[in-house]
Amino acid sequence: MNDHVHPHDGDVLEAEVGSRRPDFDEERLARREAALRDVVKFGDPVLKSQALPVTRFDDELRREIARMGELMEASIGIGLAANQVGRLRSLLVYRLDDEGPIQALVNPMIEWASADSEWFEEGCLSLPQVYVDVERPIHVRVRAQDAEGAVLVIEASGLEARVIQHEMDHLDGVLILDRAPRDQRREAMRALRELDLA
């Protein structure tokens, strides 16, 4: 919603997109452009594929988590799923602000979601220049594992809940376009065609 990106400018969630933020210096934006070249874009079949469970909790996994965290940060994103770096592994990282730690969720599953939901505009690093409204539950409880394999249970609300759900959608091969209203989906597809991505 691929950031340090709280709702702003008309409450746009850019969990994975920072391009609407005018307050980054040229060096940071150049680093972002370089990092985005490592993010899989719309049209790649990996984005529509189901991630596989992680079964080995080893140094390779920890290196992958660190690399994804660095890429997310350089891309000015607040969330990134393994599919977006071409890996079909049930793994996501997120961080809601510059001061907080990068959180990794391995094999996440939603145990409970609230009946209360809300619409919010989201963007995605894998869908450049696309912003669509997505309805999601406001509160979720997620069971996952950390980099060592220990069980995590996260009770998330608001922005955190939305970011986690956005990234978990990626792990299921679901994009924000799949959840957008039909008219916005059509407009987004036009924008992606102009970028030669559709």
N, C-alpha and C. Protein backbone atom coordinates (compact mmCIF):
# COMPACT_ATOMS: atom_id res chain seq x y z
N MET A 1 0.86 -0.82 0.00
CA MET A 1 0.00 0.00 0.00
C MET A 1 1.00 0.95 0.00
N ASN A 2 3.42 -1.50 -1.30
CA ASN A 2 4.01 -1.33 -1.11
C ASN A 2 4.36 0.09 -0.49
N ASP A 3 6.68 5.68 2.39
CA ASP A 3 6.27 4.94 3.08
C ASP A 3 6.58 5.69 4.14
N HIS A 4 6.91 5.98 4.53
CA HIS A 4 6.93 6.43 5.85
C HIS A 4 5.99 7.50 5.69
N VAL A 5 4.94 6.88 5.70
CA VAL A 5 3.81 7.30 4.98
C VAL A 5 2.64 6.97 5.83
N HIS A 6 2.31 8.00 6.53
CA HIS A 6 1.07 7.90 7.24
C HIS A 6 0.02 8.50 6.34
N PRO A 7 -1.26 8.30 6.65
CA PRO A 7 -2.27 8.92 5.82
C PRO A 7 -2.00 10.41 5.70
N HIS A 8 -2.12 10.93 4.49
CA HIS A 8 -1.85 12.33 4.23
C HIS A 8 -2.48 12.67 2.89
N ASP A 9 -2.41 13.92 2.52
CA ASP A 9 -2.92 14.34 1.22
C ASP A 9 -4.25 13.67 0.91
N GLY A 10 -5.23 13.91 1.71
CA GLY A 10 -6.54 13.31 1.44
C GLY A 10 -6.59 11.86 1.87
N ASP A 11 -5.81 11.52 2.89
CA ASP A 11 -5.84 10.17 3.44
C ASP A 11 -5.55 9.11 2.40
N VAL A 12 -4.37 9.14 1.83
CA VAL A 12 -3.93 8.11 0.90
C VAL A 12 -2.99 7.18 1.65
N LEU A 13 -3.30 5.90 1.67
CA LEU A 13 -2.38 4.94 2.25
C LEU A 13 -1.40 4.54 1.18
N GLU A 14 -0.14 4.81 1.42
CA GLU A 14 0.88 4.42 0.46
C GLU A 14 1.80 3.42 1.14
N ALA A 15 1.23 2.31 1.49
CA ALA A 15 2.02 1.33 2.22
C ALA A 15 3.22 0.95 1.41
N GLU A 16 3.15 1.10 0.13
CA GLU A 16 4.29 0.74 -0.68
C GLU A 16 4.67 1.83 -1.66
N VAL A 17 4.13 2.99 -1.50
CA VAL A 17 4.42 4.01 -2.50
C VAL A 17 4.70 5.34 -1.83
N GLY A 18 5.76 6.00 -2.23
CA GLY A 18 6.08 7.30 -1.67
C GLY A 18 6.09 8.40 -2.70
N SER A 19 5.69 8.11 -3.92
CA SER A 19 5.86 9.08 -5.00
C SER A 19 4.99 10.32 -4.84
N ARG A 20 3.96 10.26 -4.01
CA ARG A 20 3.12 11.45 -3.83
C ARG A 20 3.67 12.37 -2.75
N ARG A 21 4.77 11.98 -2.13
CA ARG A 21 5.33 12.81 -1.07
C ARG A 21 6.35 13.76 -1.64
N PRO A 22 6.13 15.05 -1.56
CA PRO A 22 7.03 16.02 -2.16
C PRO A 22 8.23 16.37 -1.29
N ASP A 23 8.28 15.83 -0.06
CA ASP A 23 9.26 16.30 0.91
C ASP A 23 10.53 15.46 0.97
N PHE A 24 10.78 14.58 -0.01
CA PHE A 24 12.01 13.82 -0.05
C PHE A 24 13.02 14.54 -0.92
N ASP A 25 14.30 14.52 -0.49
CA ASP A 25 15.33 15.18 -1.29
C ASP A 25 15.67 14.33 -2.52
N GLU A 26 16.43 14.95 -3.43
CA GLU A 26 16.73 14.28 -4.71
C GLU A 26 17.50 12.99 -4.51
N GLU A 27 18.41 12.97 -3.54
CA GLU A 27 19.20 11.76 -3.29
C GLU A 27 18.31 10.61 -2.85
N ARG A 28 17.37 10.91 -1.95
CA ARG A 28 16.47 9.85 -1.48
C ARG A 28 15.58 9.35 -2.62
N LEU A 29 15.12 10.25 -3.45
CA LEU A 29 14.29 9.83 -4.57
C LEU A 29 15.09 9.03 -5.59
N ALA A 30 16.37 9.36 -5.77
CA ALA A 30 17.22 8.59 -6.69
C ALA A 30 17.43 7.18 -6.14
N ARG A 31 17.63 7.07 -4.82
CA ARG A 31 17.77 5.74 -4.20
C ARG A 31 16.49 4.94 -4.37
N ARG A 32 15.35 5.65 -4.26
CA ARG A 32 14.06 4.98 -4.44
C ARG A 32 13.94 4.40 -5.85
N GLU A 33 14.28 5.21 -6.84
CA GLU A 33 14.17 4.75 -8.23
C GLU A 33 15.06 3.53 -8.47
N ALA A 34 16.27 3.55 -7.91
CA ALA A 34 17.18 2.40 -8.06
C ALA A 34 16.60 1.16 -7.38
N ALA A 35 16.04 1.33 -6.18
CA ALA A 35 15.47 0.20 -5.45
C ALA A 35 14.26 -0.37 -6.17
N LEU A 36 13.46 0.50 -6.75
CA LEU A 36 12.24 0.04 -7.44
C LEU A 36 12.55 -0.87 -8.61
N ARG A 37 13.75 -0.79 -9.15
CA ARG A 37 14.12 -1.68 -10.25
C ARG A 37 14.19 -3.13 -9.79
N ASP A 38 14.33 -3.35 -8.48
CA ASP A 38 14.37 -4.71 -7.92
C ASP A 38 13.00 -5.21 -7.47
N VAL A 39 11.98 -4.39 -7.65
CA VAL A 39 10.62 -4.78 -7.27
C VAL A 39 9.89 -5.28 -8.51
N VAL A 40 9.29 -6.46 -8.40
CA VAL A 40 8.54 -7.05 -9.51
C VAL A 40 7.32 -6.18 -9.82
N LYS A 41 7.10 -5.92 -11.10
CA LYS A 41 6.00 -5.05 -11.52
C LYS A 41 4.82 -5.84 -12.08
N PHE A 42 3.70 -5.15 -12.14
CA PHE A 42 2.45 -5.70 -12.66
C PHE A 42 2.70 -6.39 -14.00
N GLY A 43 2.09 -7.55 -14.18
CA GLY A 43 2.27 -8.32 -15.40
C GLY A 43 3.14 -9.54 -15.19
N ASP A 44 4.00 -9.51 -14.18
CA ASP A 44 4.83 -10.68 -13.86
C ASP A 44 3.95 -11.72 -13.17
N PRO A 45 3.95 -12.97 -13.66
CA PRO A 45 3.05 -13.98 -13.07
C PRO A 45 3.30 -14.27 -11.60
N VAL A 46 4.47 -13.95 -11.07
CA VAL A 46 4.73 -14.22 -9.66
C VAL A 46 3.78 -13.42 -8.77
N LEU A 47 3.31 -12.27 -9.26
CA LEU A 47 2.40 -11.45 -8.46
C LEU A 47 1.00 -12.05 -8.36
N LYS A 48 0.69 -13.00 -9.24
CA LYS A 48 -0.62 -13.64 -9.19
C LYS A 48 -0.50 -15.09 -8.69
N SER A 49 0.63 -15.40 -8.08
CA SER A 49 0.89 -16.76 -7.61
C SER A 49 0.80 -16.85 -6.09
N GLN A 50 0.46 -18.04 -5.63
CA GLN A 50 0.35 -18.30 -4.19
C GLN A 50 1.74 -18.59 -3.62
N ALA A 51 2.09 -17.90 -2.56
CA ALA A 51 3.38 -18.14 -1.90
C ALA A 51 3.34 -19.49 -1.17
N LEU A 52 4.51 -20.09 -1.03
CA LEU A 52 4.63 -21.38 -0.36
C LEU A 52 5.08 -21.18 1.09
N PRO A 53 4.64 -22.06 1.99
CA PRO A 53 5.05 -21.92 3.38
C PRO A 53 6.57 -21.99 3.54
N VAL A 54 7.08 -21.21 4.47
CA VAL A 54 8.49 -21.27 4.82
C VAL A 54 8.67 -22.41 5.84
N THR A 55 9.61 -23.30 5.57
CA THR A 55 9.83 -24.44 6.47
C THR A 55 11.21 -24.43 7.12
N ARG A 56 12.13 -23.63 6.57
CA ARG A 56 13.48 -23.56 7.13
C ARG A 56 13.74 -22.17 7.69
N PHE A 57 14.07 -22.13 8.95
CA PHE A 57 14.35 -20.87 9.63
C PHE A 57 15.86 -20.81 9.87
N ASP A 58 16.57 -20.30 8.88
CA ASP A 58 18.02 -20.37 8.89
C ASP A 58 18.62 -19.01 8.51
N ASP A 59 19.92 -18.99 8.34
CA ASP A 59 20.59 -17.73 7.99
C ASP A 59 20.12 -17.19 6.65
N GLU A 60 19.80 -18.09 5.72
CA GLU A 60 19.31 -17.63 4.42
C GLU A 60 18.01 -16.84 4.57
N LEU A 61 17.11 -17.33 5.41
CA LEU A 61 15.85 -16.63 5.65
C LEU A 61 16.12 -15.27 6.29
N ARG A 62 17.02 -15.24 7.27
CA ARG A 62 17.32 -13.98 7.94
C ARG A 62 17.95 -12.97 6.98
N ARG A 63 18.80 -13.46 6.06
CA ARG A 63 19.38 -12.56 5.05
C ARG A 63 18.30 -12.03 4.12
N GLU A 64 17.35 -12.90 3.77
CA GLU A 64 16.25 -12.48 2.90
C GLU A 64 15.39 -11.42 3.58
N ILE A 65 15.12 -11.60 4.85
CA ILE A 65 14.34 -10.62 5.61
C ILE A 65 15.09 -9.28 5.64
N ALA A 66 16.40 -9.33 5.92
CA ALA A 66 17.19 -8.10 5.96
C ALA A 66 17.19 -7.41 4.60
N ARG A 67 17.36 -8.18 3.54
CA ARG A 67 17.37 -7.60 2.18
C ARG A 67 16.02 -6.96 1.85
N MET A 68 14.93 -7.65 2.18
CA MET A 68 13.61 -7.10 1.92
C MET A 68 13.39 -5.82 2.72
N GLY A 69 13.85 -5.81 3.96
CA GLY A 69 13.72 -4.61 4.79
C GLY A 69 14.47 -3.43 4.18
N GLU A 70 15.69 -3.69 3.71
CA GLU A 70 16.49 -2.63 3.09
C GLU A 70 15.82 -2.13 1.81
N LEU A 71 15.30 -3.05 1.02
CA LEU A 71 14.65 -2.68 -0.23
C LEU A 71 13.38 -1.88 0.04
N MET A 72 12.60 -2.30 1.02
CA MET A 72 11.39 -1.58 1.39
C MET A 72 11.73 -0.16 1.82
N GLU A 73 12.76 -0.04 2.65
CA GLU A 73 13.15 1.27 3.14
C GLU A 73 13.65 2.16 2.01
N ALA A 74 14.51 1.62 1.15
CA ALA A 74 15.04 2.41 0.03
C ALA A 74 13.94 2.82 -0.93
N SER A 75 12.92 1.97 -1.06
CA SER A 75 11.80 2.24 -1.97
C SER A 75 10.80 3.22 -1.37
N ILE A 76 11.03 3.60 -0.14
CA ILE A 76 10.12 4.47 0.60
C ILE A 76 8.76 3.78 0.71
N GLY A 77 8.82 2.51 1.10
CA GLY A 77 7.60 1.74 1.29
C GLY A 77 7.41 1.42 2.76
N ILE A 78 6.22 1.06 3.14
CA ILE A 78 6.01 0.63 4.53
C ILE A 78 5.64 -0.84 4.60
N GLY A 79 5.65 -1.51 3.46
CA GLY A 79 5.39 -2.94 3.45
C GLY A 79 5.92 -3.56 2.16
N LEU A 80 6.32 -4.83 2.25
CA LEU A 80 6.82 -5.54 1.07
C LEU A 80 6.63 -7.03 1.30
N ALA A 81 6.11 -7.71 0.29
CA ALA A 81 5.92 -9.16 0.35
C ALA A 81 6.94 -9.86 -0.54
N ALA A 82 7.26 -11.10 -0.19
CA ALA A 82 8.29 -11.84 -0.93
C ALA A 82 7.97 -11.95 -2.42
N ASN A 83 6.69 -12.10 -2.76
CA ASN A 83 6.31 -12.16 -4.19
C ASN A 83 6.86 -10.96 -4.95
N GLN A 84 6.91 -9.82 -4.29
CA GLN A 84 7.32 -8.59 -4.96
C GLN A 84 8.81 -8.53 -5.25
N VAL A 85 9.56 -9.47 -4.69
CA VAL A 85 10.98 -9.58 -5.05
C VAL A 85 11.23 -10.89 -5.77
N GLY A 86 10.14 -11.49 -6.28
CA GLY A 86 10.26 -12.68 -7.11
C GLY A 86 10.41 -13.98 -6.35
N ARG A 87 10.10 -13.97 -5.06
CA ARG A 87 10.23 -15.19 -4.25
C ARG A 87 8.86 -15.66 -3.79
N LEU A 88 8.53 -16.89 -4.10
CA LEU A 88 7.23 -17.44 -3.68
C LEU A 88 7.37 -18.08 -2.30
N ARG A 89 7.62 -17.23 -1.33
CA ARG A 89 7.75 -17.65 0.06
C ARG A 89 6.78 -16.83 0.90
N SER A 90 6.17 -17.47 1.88
CA SER A 90 5.17 -16.80 2.71
C SER A 90 5.89 -15.92 3.74
N LEU A 91 6.26 -14.75 3.29
CA LEU A 91 7.07 -13.84 4.08
C LEU A 91 6.74 -12.41 3.71
N LEU A 92 6.59 -11.55 4.71
CA LEU A 92 6.39 -10.13 4.46
C LEU A 92 7.13 -9.33 5.52
N VAL A 93 7.46 -8.11 5.16
CA VAL A 93 8.05 -7.17 6.11
C VAL A 93 7.25 -5.88 6.07
N TYR A 94 7.26 -5.16 7.19
CA TYR A 94 6.60 -3.86 7.21
C TYR A 94 7.19 -3.01 8.32
N ARG A 95 7.05 -1.72 8.17
CA ARG A 95 7.42 -0.76 9.21
C ARG A 95 6.58 0.49 9.00
N LEU A 96 5.91 0.92 10.04
CA LEU A 96 4.95 2.01 9.90
C LEU A 96 5.59 3.38 9.97
N ASP A 97 6.77 3.49 10.59
CA ASP A 97 7.42 4.80 10.66
C ASP A 97 8.93 4.62 10.72
N ASP A 98 9.65 5.70 10.47
CA ASP A 98 11.10 5.63 10.38
C ASP A 98 11.76 5.21 11.68
N GLU A 99 11.12 5.45 12.79
CA GLU A 99 11.74 5.19 14.09
C GLU A 99 11.54 3.75 14.55
N GLY A 100 10.53 3.09 14.04
CA GLY A 100 10.22 1.75 14.53
C GLY A 100 11.08 0.68 13.89
N PRO A 101 11.08 -0.51 14.50
CA PRO A 101 11.82 -1.63 13.91
C PRO A 101 11.08 -2.21 12.72
N ILE A 102 11.82 -2.86 11.84
CA ILE A 102 11.20 -3.58 10.73
C ILE A 102 10.64 -4.88 11.30
N GLN A 103 9.38 -5.13 11.02
CA GLN A 103 8.70 -6.33 11.52
C GLN A 103 8.62 -7.34 10.38
N ALA A 104 9.02 -8.57 10.63
CA ALA A 104 8.91 -9.65 9.64
C ALA A 104 7.85 -10.63 10.11
N LEU A 105 6.97 -11.02 9.22
CA LEU A 105 5.96 -12.04 9.50
C LEU A 105 6.17 -13.19 8.52
N VAL A 106 6.43 -14.37 9.06
CA VAL A 106 6.64 -15.56 8.26
C VAL A 106 5.41 -16.45 8.42
N ASN A 107 4.91 -16.95 7.30
CA ASN A 107 3.72 -17.81 7.29
C ASN A 107 2.53 -17.17 8.02
N PRO A 108 2.22 -15.90 7.72
CA PRO A 108 1.11 -15.24 8.44
C PRO A 108 -0.25 -15.79 8.03
N MET A 109 -1.14 -15.84 9.02
CA MET A 109 -2.53 -16.25 8.79
C MET A 109 -3.43 -15.35 9.62
N ILE A 110 -4.52 -14.89 9.03
CA ILE A 110 -5.49 -14.09 9.79
C ILE A 110 -6.38 -15.04 10.57
N GLU A 111 -6.33 -14.91 11.90
CA GLU A 111 -7.16 -15.74 12.78
C GLU A 111 -8.54 -15.14 12.97
N TRP A 112 -8.59 -13.80 12.92
CA TRP A 112 -9.86 -13.12 13.18
C TRP A 112 -9.80 -11.76 12.52
N ALA A 113 -10.92 -11.34 11.96
CA ALA A 113 -11.04 -9.99 11.39
C ALA A 113 -12.36 -9.40 11.85
N SER A 114 -12.35 -8.11 12.14
CA SER A 114 -13.56 -7.45 12.62
C SER A 114 -14.61 -7.35 11.52
N ALA A 115 -15.85 -7.29 11.94
CA ALA A 115 -16.93 -7.05 10.98
C ALA A 115 -16.89 -5.61 10.48
N ASP A 116 -16.37 -4.71 11.32
CA ASP A 116 -16.24 -3.31 10.93
C ASP A 116 -15.14 -3.17 9.89
N SER A 117 -15.44 -2.47 8.82
CA SER A 117 -14.45 -2.27 7.76
C SER A 117 -14.48 -0.81 7.32
N GLU A 118 -13.47 -0.42 6.54
CA GLU A 118 -13.47 0.92 5.99
C GLU A 118 -12.75 0.92 4.64
N TRP A 119 -13.13 1.90 3.82
CA TRP A 119 -12.49 2.12 2.53
C TRP A 119 -11.33 3.08 2.72
N PHE A 120 -10.27 2.85 1.97
CA PHE A 120 -9.10 3.73 2.05
C PHE A 120 -8.34 3.60 0.74
N GLU A 121 -7.75 4.69 0.29
CA GLU A 121 -6.99 4.63 -0.96
C GLU A 121 -5.62 4.01 -0.72
N GLU A 122 -5.25 3.04 -1.55
CA GLU A 122 -3.97 2.36 -1.42
C GLU A 122 -3.18 2.44 -2.72
N GLY A 123 -1.88 2.39 -2.58
CA GLY A 123 -0.97 2.29 -3.71
C GLY A 123 -0.08 1.08 -3.50
N CYS A 124 0.75 0.77 -4.49
CA CYS A 124 1.57 -0.44 -4.42
C CYS A 124 2.83 -0.26 -5.24
N LEU A 125 3.97 -0.67 -4.68
CA LEU A 125 5.23 -0.55 -5.41
C LEU A 125 5.21 -1.33 -6.71
N SER A 126 4.43 -2.39 -6.78
CA SER A 126 4.38 -3.21 -7.99
C SER A 126 3.42 -2.66 -9.05
N LEU A 127 2.66 -1.64 -8.68
CA LEU A 127 1.73 -1.01 -9.62
C LEU A 127 2.01 0.49 -9.63
N PRO A 128 3.04 0.93 -10.32
CA PRO A 128 3.43 2.34 -10.29
C PRO A 128 2.29 3.27 -10.69
N GLN A 129 2.15 4.35 -9.94
CA GLN A 129 1.21 5.42 -10.24
C GLN A 129 -0.25 4.99 -10.19
N VAL A 130 -0.52 3.88 -9.52
CA VAL A 130 -1.90 3.40 -9.38
C VAL A 130 -2.34 3.60 -7.93
N TYR A 131 -3.49 4.22 -7.76
CA TYR A 131 -4.08 4.43 -6.44
C TYR A 131 -5.56 4.09 -6.55
N VAL A 132 -6.02 3.15 -5.73
CA VAL A 132 -7.42 2.73 -5.79
C VAL A 132 -7.96 2.58 -4.37
N ASP A 133 -9.26 2.67 -4.24
CA ASP A 133 -9.91 2.47 -2.95
C ASP A 133 -10.06 0.98 -2.68
N VAL A 134 -9.76 0.59 -1.45
CA VAL A 134 -9.86 -0.81 -1.03
C VAL A 134 -10.58 -0.85 0.31
N GLU A 135 -11.55 -1.74 0.44
CA GLU A 135 -12.25 -1.94 1.70
C GLU A 135 -11.59 -3.08 2.47
N ARG A 136 -11.27 -2.83 3.74
CA ARG A 136 -10.65 -3.87 4.56
C ARG A 136 -11.19 -3.80 5.99
N PRO A 137 -11.15 -4.93 6.71
CA PRO A 137 -11.49 -4.90 8.13
C PRO A 137 -10.56 -3.95 8.88
N ILE A 138 -11.10 -3.28 9.88
CA ILE A 138 -10.34 -2.30 10.64
C ILE A 138 -9.41 -2.97 11.65
N HIS A 139 -9.82 -4.14 12.17
CA HIS A 139 -9.04 -4.84 13.18
C HIS A 139 -8.81 -6.28 12.74
N VAL A 140 -7.60 -6.79 12.97
CA VAL A 140 -7.30 -8.20 12.67
C VAL A 140 -6.40 -8.78 13.76
N ARG A 141 -6.51 -10.08 13.91
CA ARG A 141 -5.54 -10.82 14.72
C ARG A 141 -4.82 -11.78 13.79
N VAL A 142 -3.50 -11.69 13.78
CA VAL A 142 -2.68 -12.46 12.84
C VAL A 142 -1.74 -13.36 13.63
N ARG A 143 -1.69 -14.63 13.24
CA ARG A 143 -0.72 -15.57 13.79
C ARG A 143 0.35 -15.79 12.73
N ALA A 144 1.60 -15.69 13.14
CA ALA A 144 2.72 -15.84 12.21
C ALA A 144 3.91 -16.40 12.99
N GLN A 145 5.06 -16.44 12.32
CA GLN A 145 6.31 -16.81 12.97
C GLN A 145 7.33 -15.72 12.72
N ASP A 146 8.31 -15.65 13.61
CA ASP A 146 9.39 -14.70 13.40
C ASP A 146 10.54 -15.36 12.65
N ALA A 147 11.67 -14.67 12.53
CA ALA A 147 12.80 -15.18 11.74
C ALA A 147 13.40 -16.44 12.34
N GLU A 148 13.12 -16.69 13.62
CA GLU A 148 13.65 -17.89 14.29
C GLU A 148 12.63 -19.03 14.31
N GLY A 149 11.42 -18.75 13.87
CA GLY A 149 10.37 -19.77 13.87
C GLY A 149 9.44 -19.69 15.06
N ALA A 150 9.69 -18.76 15.98
CA ALA A 150 8.81 -18.61 17.14
C ALA A 150 7.46 -18.04 16.73
N VAL A 151 6.42 -18.45 17.41
CA VAL A 151 5.06 -18.01 17.07
C VAL A 151 4.85 -16.58 17.53
N LEU A 152 4.24 -15.78 16.65
CA LEU A 152 3.84 -14.41 16.95
C LEU A 152 2.33 -14.30 16.82
N VAL A 153 1.71 -13.57 17.71
CA VAL A 153 0.29 -13.23 17.55
C VAL A 153 0.21 -11.72 17.63
N ILE A 154 -0.30 -11.12 16.57
CA ILE A 154 -0.35 -9.66 16.48
C ILE A 154 -1.80 -9.21 16.41
N GLU A 155 -2.18 -8.35 17.32
CA GLU A 155 -3.50 -7.70 17.28
C GLU A 155 -3.27 -6.34 16.65
N ALA A 156 -3.78 -6.14 15.46
CA ALA A 156 -3.49 -4.91 14.72
C ALA A 156 -4.78 -4.18 14.38
N SER A 157 -4.68 -2.85 14.39
CA SER A 157 -5.82 -2.00 14.05
C SER A 157 -5.35 -0.89 13.13
N GLY A 158 -6.30 -0.29 12.42
CA GLY A 158 -6.02 0.89 11.62
C GLY A 158 -4.97 0.64 10.56
N LEU A 159 -3.97 1.54 10.51
CA LEU A 159 -2.94 1.46 9.48
C LEU A 159 -2.19 0.14 9.51
N GLU A 160 -1.81 -0.31 10.70
CA GLU A 160 -1.05 -1.57 10.79
C GLU A 160 -1.87 -2.72 10.24
N ALA A 161 -3.14 -2.79 10.59
CA ALA A 161 -4.00 -3.87 10.09
C ALA A 161 -4.11 -3.81 8.57
N ARG A 162 -4.24 -2.62 8.03
CA ARG A 162 -4.38 -2.47 6.58
C ARG A 162 -3.09 -2.89 5.87
N VAL A 163 -1.95 -2.47 6.38
CA VAL A 163 -0.67 -2.82 5.74
C VAL A 163 -0.47 -4.34 5.75
N ILE A 164 -0.72 -4.96 6.89
CA ILE A 164 -0.57 -6.41 6.98
C ILE A 164 -1.49 -7.11 5.98
N GLN A 165 -2.74 -6.66 5.90
CA GLN A 165 -3.68 -7.30 4.98
C GLN A 165 -3.26 -7.10 3.52
N HIS A 166 -2.76 -5.91 3.21
CA HIS A 166 -2.29 -5.62 1.85
C HIS A 166 -1.17 -6.60 1.48
N GLU A 167 -0.20 -6.75 2.39
CA GLU A 167 0.95 -7.62 2.09
C GLU A 167 0.53 -9.09 2.08
N MET A 168 -0.37 -9.48 2.95
CA MET A 168 -0.86 -10.86 2.93
C MET A 168 -1.60 -11.16 1.64
N ASP A 169 -2.31 -10.17 1.10
CA ASP A 169 -2.94 -10.36 -0.21
C ASP A 169 -1.90 -10.74 -1.25
N HIS A 170 -0.75 -10.05 -1.24
CA HIS A 170 0.31 -10.39 -2.19
C HIS A 170 0.69 -11.86 -2.08
N LEU A 171 0.78 -12.36 -0.86
CA LEU A 171 1.18 -13.75 -0.66
C LEU A 171 0.14 -14.72 -1.23
N ASP A 172 -1.09 -14.25 -1.38
CA ASP A 172 -2.16 -15.06 -1.98
C ASP A 172 -2.34 -14.77 -3.47
N GLY A 173 -1.46 -13.93 -4.03
CA GLY A 173 -1.59 -13.59 -5.45
C GLY A 173 -2.69 -12.60 -5.73
N VAL A 174 -3.09 -11.82 -4.72
CA VAL A 174 -4.18 -10.84 -4.86
C VAL A 174 -3.58 -9.44 -4.87
N LEU A 175 -3.98 -8.64 -5.84
CA LEU A 175 -3.52 -7.26 -5.96
C LEU A 175 -4.63 -6.29 -5.58
N ILE A 176 -4.24 -5.04 -5.31
CA ILE A 176 -5.27 -4.04 -4.96
C ILE A 176 -6.27 -3.86 -6.10
N LEU A 177 -5.85 -4.11 -7.33
CA LEU A 177 -6.78 -4.01 -8.46
C LEU A 177 -7.92 -5.01 -8.31
N ASP A 178 -7.63 -6.17 -7.73
CA ASP A 178 -8.65 -7.20 -7.55
C ASP A 178 -9.71 -6.79 -6.55
N ARG A 179 -9.39 -5.83 -5.69
CA ARG A 179 -10.32 -5.39 -4.65
C ARG A 179 -10.91 -4.00 -4.93
N ALA A 180 -10.48 -3.38 -6.00
CA ALA A 180 -10.91 -2.01 -6.30
C ALA A 180 -12.28 -1.99 -6.97
N PRO A 181 -13.02 -0.90 -6.81
CA PRO A 181 -14.26 -0.73 -7.56
C PRO A 181 -13.98 -0.80 -9.07
N ARG A 182 -14.95 -1.27 -9.82
CA ARG A 182 -14.74 -1.55 -11.24
C ARG A 182 -14.26 -0.32 -12.02
N ASP A 183 -14.84 0.85 -11.74
CA ASP A 183 -14.43 2.04 -12.50
C ASP A 183 -12.98 2.41 -12.21
N GLN A 184 -12.56 2.27 -10.95
CA GLN A 184 -11.17 2.57 -10.61
C GLN A 184 -10.22 1.54 -11.22
N ARG A 185 -10.67 0.29 -11.29
CA ARG A 185 -9.84 -0.75 -11.90
C ARG A 185 -9.60 -0.44 -13.37
N ARG A 186 -10.66 -0.01 -14.06
CA ARG A 186 -10.51 0.34 -15.48
C ARG A 186 -9.53 1.49 -15.66
N GLU A 187 -9.66 2.51 -14.82
CA GLU A 187 -8.76 3.66 -14.90
C GLU A 187 -7.32 3.25 -14.60
N ALA A 188 -7.15 2.38 -13.61
CA ALA A 188 -5.81 1.91 -13.26
C ALA A 188 -5.19 1.13 -14.41
N MET A 189 -5.99 0.31 -15.07
CA MET A 189 -5.46 -0.47 -16.20
C MET A 189 -5.04 0.45 -17.33
N ARG A 190 -5.78 1.54 -17.52
CA ARG A 190 -5.36 2.52 -18.55
C ARG A 190 -4.00 3.11 -18.19
N ALA A 191 -3.83 3.46 -16.92
CA ALA A 191 -2.56 4.05 -16.47
C ALA A 191 -1.42 3.06 -16.65
N LEU A 192 -1.67 1.78 -16.34
CA LEU A 192 -0.63 0.76 -16.47
C LEU A 192 -0.28 0.52 -17.95
N ARG A 193 -1.30 0.59 -18.81
CA ARG A 193 -1.01 0.45 -20.25
C ARG A 193 -0.12 1.58 -20.75
N GLU A 194 -0.34 2.77 -20.23
CA GLU A 194 0.50 3.92 -20.63
C GLU A 194 1.95 3.72 -20.19
N LEU A 195 2.15 2.93 -19.12
CA LEU A 195 3.51 2.62 -18.66
C LEU A 195 4.03 1.33 -19.28
N ASP A 196 3.26 0.77 -20.24
CA ASP A 196 3.61 -0.50 -20.89
C ASP A 196 3.68 -1.65 -19.91
N LEU A 197 2.85 -1.62 -18.88
CA LEU A 197 2.81 -2.70 -17.89
C LEU A 197 1.56 -3.56 -18.02
N ALA A 198 0.63 -3.17 -18.89
CA ALA A 198 -0.59 -3.96 -19.03
C ALA A 198 -0.85 -4.27 -20.50
